[in-house]
Amino acid sequence: MTRLRQKMTDDLRLRDLSPNTAATYIRCVATFARFHGRSPDLLDTGEVRQFLLHLADLGRAPATRVVYHAALAFLFVHTLGRPEVMAFVPRPRVRTQRPGRCLTRDEARRLLGSLATRPFDYTFFALLLATGLRLSEATALVVQDIDRGAGLLHVRSARGASPAR
């Protein structure tokens, strides 16, 4: 591991970002470095702009380019102490999506009715409908996460949650 990558990894830990976010930022910076064929600490605003335009030319979604922008901003602002590099690099605009439509009671009843002969699928979809869990949260559940006495469900892998220490 290079000295710069180790410093950024340490900075990400100090900032207490989730392990997934940290890994994504490291991957984005590595892609940036490979694109230019040089260490990021040797690069400047022009190279950042060129790289982000390259991502746009490849057809990467604005939301993806925002992640790259955030990773590079973290690198230059926090790890390298060079905030001026990112000062005039516009962040891609991400259009907000309308929230998905909730199922009506009748639609939920029909969905569960169609799964009546498949106990696992029925239980899984009933859990999603009753709790509003994300798929990743529901699939990470284990039996010990259920407290039947209190009627509670412990969600350990919630989005944005820090890992258990």
C-alpha atoms as a PDB file:
ATOM      1  CA  MET A   1       0.000   0.000   0.000  1.00  0.00           C
ATOM      2  CA  THR A   2       1.374   3.399  -0.932  1.00  0.00           C
ATOM      3  CA  ARG A   3       1.968   6.056   1.678  1.00  0.00           C
ATOM      4  CA  LEU A   4      -0.768   8.250   0.153  1.00  0.00           C
ATOM      5  CA  ARG A   5      -3.337   5.424   0.140  1.00  0.00           C
ATOM      6  CA  GLN A   6      -2.492   4.619   3.774  1.00  0.00           C
ATOM      7  CA  LYS A   7      -2.887   8.280   4.773  1.00  0.00           C
ATOM      8  CA  MET A   8      -6.248   8.522   2.985  1.00  0.00           C
ATOM      9  CA  THR A   9      -7.399   5.255   4.576  1.00  0.00           C
ATOM     10  CA  ASP A  10      -6.446   6.625   7.989  1.00  0.00           C
ATOM     11  CA  ASP A  11      -8.211   9.924   7.264  1.00  0.00           C
ATOM     12  CA  LEU A  12     -11.372   8.060   6.222  1.00  0.00           C
ATOM     13  CA  ARG A  13     -11.269   6.126   9.502  1.00  0.00           C
ATOM     14  CA  LEU A  14     -10.726   9.328  11.492  1.00  0.00           C
ATOM     15  CA  ARG A  15     -13.730  10.857   9.751  1.00  0.00           C
ATOM     16  CA  ASP A  16     -15.651   7.700  10.754  1.00  0.00           C
ATOM     17  CA  LEU A  17     -17.064   7.062   7.301  1.00  0.00           C
ATOM     18  CA  SER A  18     -18.651   3.664   6.737  1.00  0.00           C
ATOM     19  CA  PRO A  19     -16.350   0.903   5.464  1.00  0.00           C
ATOM     20  CA  ASN A  20     -18.354   0.792   2.213  1.00  0.00           C
ATOM     21  CA  THR A  21     -17.917   4.526   1.633  1.00  0.00           C
ATOM     22  CA  ALA A  22     -14.206   4.324   2.464  1.00  0.00           C
ATOM     23  CA  ALA A  23     -13.670   1.429   0.046  1.00  0.00           C
ATOM     24  CA  THR A  24     -15.598   3.278  -2.669  1.00  0.00           C
ATOM     25  CA  TYR A  25     -13.555   6.467  -2.194  1.00  0.00           C
ATOM     26  CA  ILE A  26     -10.274   4.520  -2.341  1.00  0.00           C
ATOM     27  CA  ARG A  27     -11.446   2.760  -5.516  1.00  0.00           C
ATOM     28  CA  CYS A  28     -12.466   6.079  -7.123  1.00  0.00           C
ATOM     29  CA  VAL A  29      -9.106   7.690  -6.353  1.00  0.00           C
ATOM     30  CA  ALA A  30      -7.272   4.630  -7.699  1.00  0.00           C
ATOM     31  CA  THR A  31      -9.279   4.897 -10.945  1.00  0.00           C
ATOM     32  CA  PHE A  32      -8.382   8.600 -11.138  1.00  0.00           C
ATOM     33  CA  ALA A  33      -4.683   7.799 -10.664  1.00  0.00           C
ATOM     34  CA  ARG A  34      -4.758   5.018 -13.300  1.00  0.00           C
ATOM     35  CA  PHE A  35      -6.502   7.334 -15.775  1.00  0.00           C
ATOM     36  CA  HIS A  36      -3.641   9.836 -15.515  1.00  0.00           C
ATOM     37  CA  GLY A  37      -0.877   7.289 -14.929  1.00  0.00           C
ATOM     38  CA  ARG A  38       0.500   9.296 -12.000  1.00  0.00           C
ATOM     39  CA  SER A  39       0.083   9.606  -8.272  1.00  0.00           C
ATOM     40  CA  PRO A  40      -2.870  11.857  -7.373  1.00  0.00           C
ATOM     41  CA  ASP A  41      -0.661  14.095  -5.239  1.00  0.00           C
ATOM     42  CA  LEU A  42       1.025  15.203  -8.485  1.00  0.00           C
ATOM     43  CA  LEU A  43      -2.273  16.194 -10.121  1.00  0.00           C
ATOM     44  CA  ASP A  44      -4.238  19.433 -10.080  1.00  0.00           C
ATOM     45  CA  THR A  45      -7.583  21.030 -10.962  1.00  0.00           C
ATOM     46  CA  GLY A  46      -7.152  20.554 -14.709  1.00  0.00           C
ATOM     47  CA  GLU A  47      -6.637  16.811 -14.337  1.00  0.00           C
ATOM     48  CA  VAL A  48      -9.633  16.494 -12.015  1.00  0.00           C
ATOM     49  CA  ARG A  49     -11.835  18.296 -14.539  1.00  0.00           C
ATOM     50  CA  GLN A  50     -10.456  16.201 -17.415  1.00  0.00           C
ATOM     51  CA  PHE A  51     -11.190  12.984 -15.504  1.00  0.00           C
ATOM     52  CA  LEU A  52     -14.748  13.982 -14.561  1.00  0.00           C
ATOM     53  CA  LEU A  53     -15.437  15.013 -18.164  1.00  0.00           C
ATOM     54  CA  HIS A  54     -14.068  11.633 -19.266  1.00  0.00           C
ATOM     55  CA  LEU A  55     -16.587   9.912 -16.964  1.00  0.00           C
ATOM     56  CA  ALA A  56     -19.374  12.019 -18.487  1.00  0.00           C
ATOM     57  CA  ASP A  57     -18.180  11.113 -22.000  1.00  0.00           C
ATOM     58  CA  LEU A  58     -18.322   7.438 -21.024  1.00  0.00           C
ATOM     59  CA  GLY A  59     -21.971   7.981 -20.130  1.00  0.00           C
ATOM     60  CA  ARG A  60     -21.581   7.508 -16.384  1.00  0.00           C
ATOM     61  CA  ALA A  61     -24.688   8.628 -14.521  1.00  0.00           C
ATOM     62  CA  PRO A  62     -24.575  11.938 -12.641  1.00  0.00           C
ATOM     63  CA  ALA A  63     -25.008  10.072  -9.342  1.00  0.00           C
ATOM     64  CA  THR A  64     -21.887   8.020 -10.137  1.00  0.00           C
ATOM     65  CA  ARG A  65     -19.921  11.126 -11.054  1.00  0.00           C
ATOM     66  CA  VAL A  66     -21.000  12.769  -7.783  1.00  0.00           C
ATOM     67  CA  VAL A  67     -19.384   9.885  -5.891  1.00  0.00           C
ATOM     68  CA  TYR A  68     -16.127  10.369  -7.815  1.00  0.00           C
ATOM     69  CA  HIS A  69     -16.304  14.110  -7.123  1.00  0.00           C
ATOM     70  CA  ALA A  70     -16.810  13.454  -3.407  1.00  0.00           C
ATOM     71  CA  ALA A  71     -13.915  10.986  -3.301  1.00  0.00           C
ATOM     72  CA  LEU A  72     -11.573  13.418  -5.032  1.00  0.00           C
ATOM     73  CA  ALA A  73     -12.760  16.257  -2.800  1.00  0.00           C
ATOM     74  CA  PHE A  74     -11.990  14.135   0.259  1.00  0.00           C
ATOM     75  CA  LEU A  75      -8.545  13.332  -1.121  1.00  0.00           C
ATOM     76  CA  PHE A  76      -7.588  16.904  -1.954  1.00  0.00           C
ATOM     77  CA  VAL A  77      -9.254  18.661   0.994  1.00  0.00           C
ATOM     78  CA  HIS A  78      -8.638  16.258   3.880  1.00  0.00           C
ATOM     79  CA  THR A  79      -5.751  14.015   2.887  1.00  0.00           C
ATOM     80  CA  LEU A  80      -3.583  16.349   0.818  1.00  0.00           C
ATOM     81  CA  GLY A  81      -4.653  19.641   2.410  1.00  0.00           C
ATOM     82  CA  ARG A  82      -5.124  21.247  -1.013  1.00  0.00           C
ATOM     83  CA  PRO A  83      -8.762  22.437  -1.047  1.00  0.00           C
ATOM     84  CA  GLU A  84      -8.008  24.903  -3.849  1.00  0.00           C
ATOM     85  CA  VAL A  85      -7.803  21.971  -6.295  1.00  0.00           C
ATOM     86  CA  MET A  86     -11.533  21.270  -5.899  1.00  0.00           C
ATOM     87  CA  ALA A  87     -12.677  24.856  -5.267  1.00  0.00           C
ATOM     88  CA  PHE A  88     -13.835  25.462  -8.842  1.00  0.00           C
ATOM     89  CA  VAL A  89     -14.678  21.940  -9.973  1.00  0.00           C
ATOM     90  CA  PRO A  90     -18.468  21.848 -10.330  1.00  0.00           C
ATOM     91  CA  ARG A  91     -20.261  18.967  -8.689  1.00  0.00           C
ATOM     92  CA  PRO A  92     -22.557  17.158 -11.134  1.00  0.00           C
ATOM     93  CA  ARG A  93     -26.217  17.895 -10.592  1.00  0.00           C
ATOM     94  CA  VAL A  94     -28.326  14.898  -9.703  1.00  0.00           C
ATOM     95  CA  ARG A  95     -31.976  15.217 -10.447  1.00  0.00           C
ATOM     96  CA  THR A  96     -34.131  14.058  -7.575  1.00  0.00           C
ATOM     97  CA  GLN A  97     -36.319  11.136  -8.416  1.00  0.00           C
ATOM     98  CA  ARG A  98     -39.893  10.989  -7.362  1.00  0.00           C
ATOM     99  CA  PRO A  99     -40.315   8.459  -4.596  1.00  0.00           C
ATOM    100  CA  GLY A 100     -41.693   5.124  -5.670  1.00  0.00           C
ATOM    101  CA  ARG A 101     -45.394   4.561  -5.273  1.00  0.00           C
ATOM    102  CA  CYS A 102     -46.442   2.455  -2.300  1.00  0.00           C
ATOM    103  CA  LEU A 103     -48.570  -0.592  -2.845  1.00  0.00           C
ATOM    104  CA  THR A 104     -52.234  -0.233  -2.044  1.00  0.00           C
ATOM    105  CA  ARG A 105     -53.710  -2.607   0.534  1.00  0.00           C
ATOM    106  CA  ASP A 106     -55.362  -4.542  -2.292  1.00  0.00           C
ATOM    107  CA  GLU A 107     -52.071  -4.826  -4.230  1.00  0.00           C
ATOM    108  CA  ALA A 108     -50.226  -5.994  -1.103  1.00  0.00           C
ATOM    109  CA  ARG A 109     -52.979  -8.532  -0.399  1.00  0.00           C
ATOM    110  CA  ARG A 110     -52.790  -9.856  -3.981  1.00  0.00           C
ATOM    111  CA  LEU A 111     -48.983 -10.049  -3.840  1.00  0.00           C
ATOM    112  CA  LEU A 112     -49.038 -12.043  -0.616  1.00  0.00           C
ATOM    113  CA  GLY A 113     -51.946 -14.145  -1.913  1.00  0.00           C
ATOM    114  CA  SER A 114     -49.914 -15.139  -4.964  1.00  0.00           C
ATOM    115  CA  LEU A 115     -47.173 -16.386  -2.629  1.00  0.00           C
ATOM    116  CA  ALA A 116     -49.448 -18.441  -0.353  1.00  0.00           C
ATOM    117  CA  THR A 117     -47.960 -21.751  -1.563  1.00  0.00           C
ATOM    118  CA  ARG A 118     -44.373 -20.536  -1.122  1.00  0.00           C
ATOM    119  CA  PRO A 119     -43.822 -20.049   2.632  1.00  0.00           C
ATOM    120  CA  PHE A 120     -40.317 -18.562   2.429  1.00  0.00           C
ATOM    121  CA  ASP A 121     -41.251 -16.025  -0.252  1.00  0.00           C
ATOM    122  CA  TYR A 122     -44.482 -15.155   1.564  1.00  0.00           C
ATOM    123  CA  THR A 123     -42.635 -14.556   4.835  1.00  0.00           C
ATOM    124  CA  PHE A 124     -39.903 -12.504   3.170  1.00  0.00           C
ATOM    125  CA  PHE A 125     -42.319 -10.194   1.336  1.00  0.00           C
ATOM    126  CA  ALA A 126     -44.583  -9.909   4.371  1.00  0.00           C
ATOM    127  CA  LEU A 127     -41.513  -8.826   6.369  1.00  0.00           C
ATOM    128  CA  LEU A 128     -40.627  -6.173   3.762  1.00  0.00           C
ATOM    129  CA  LEU A 129     -44.189  -4.868   3.625  1.00  0.00           C
ATOM    130  CA  ALA A 130     -44.603  -4.795   7.399  1.00  0.00           C
ATOM    131  CA  THR A 131     -41.273  -3.184   8.261  1.00  0.00           C
ATOM    132  CA  GLY A 132     -40.163  -1.113   5.280  1.00  0.00           C
ATOM    133  CA  LEU A 133     -36.683  -2.668   5.409  1.00  0.00           C
ATOM    134  CA  ARG A 134     -34.387  -2.380   2.415  1.00  0.00           C
ATOM    135  CA  LEU A 135     -33.577  -5.640   0.631  1.00  0.00           C
ATOM    136  CA  SER A 136     -29.997  -5.572   1.926  1.00  0.00           C
ATOM    137  CA  GLU A 137     -31.236  -5.059   5.488  1.00  0.00           C
ATOM    138  CA  ALA A 138     -33.768  -7.878   5.244  1.00  0.00           C
ATOM    139  CA  THR A 139     -31.324 -10.356   3.722  1.00  0.00           C
ATOM    140  CA  ALA A 140     -28.762  -9.637   6.458  1.00  0.00           C
ATOM    141  CA  LEU A 141     -31.167 -10.557   9.274  1.00  0.00           C
ATOM    142  CA  VAL A 142     -30.416 -13.591  11.436  1.00  0.00           C
ATOM    143  CA  VAL A 143     -32.680 -15.386  13.895  1.00  0.00           C
ATOM    144  CA  GLN A 144     -30.981 -13.681  16.853  1.00  0.00           C
ATOM    145  CA  ASP A 145     -32.171 -10.304  15.491  1.00  0.00           C
ATOM    146  CA  ILE A 146     -35.779 -11.173  16.371  1.00  0.00           C
ATOM    147  CA  ASP A 147     -37.034 -10.344  19.861  1.00  0.00           C
ATOM    148  CA  ARG A 148     -40.491 -11.935  19.851  1.00  0.00           C
ATOM    149  CA  GLY A 149     -41.194 -10.989  23.458  1.00  0.00           C
ATOM    150  CA  ALA A 150     -40.715  -7.277  22.837  1.00  0.00           C
ATOM    151  CA  GLY A 151     -41.979  -7.422  19.259  1.00  0.00           C
ATOM    152  CA  LEU A 152     -38.727  -5.903  18.003  1.00  0.00           C
ATOM    153  CA  LEU A 153     -36.400  -6.539  15.120  1.00  0.00           C
ATOM    154  CA  HIS A 154     -32.742  -5.539  15.454  1.00  0.00           C
ATOM    155  CA  VAL A 155     -31.376  -4.186  12.144  1.00  0.00           C
ATOM    156  CA  ARG A 156     -27.583  -4.460  12.302  1.00  0.00           C
ATOM    157  CA  SER A 157     -26.757  -3.584   8.727  1.00  0.00           C
ATOM    158  CA  ALA A 158     -28.775  -0.408   8.296  1.00  0.00           C
ATOM    159  CA  ARG A 159     -27.543   1.981   5.640  1.00  0.00           C
ATOM    160  CA  GLY A 160     -25.016   4.427   6.997  1.00  0.00           C
ATOM    161  CA  ALA A 161     -24.597   2.548  10.261  1.00  0.00           C
ATOM    162  CA  SER A 162     -21.115   2.231  11.706  1.00  0.00           C
ATOM    163  CA  PRO A 163     -19.926  -1.355  12.084  1.00  0.00           C
ATOM    164  CA  ALA A 164     -20.218  -2.933  15.506  1.00  0.00           C
ATOM    165  CA  ARG A 165     -17.028  -2.540  17.480  1.00  0.00           C
END
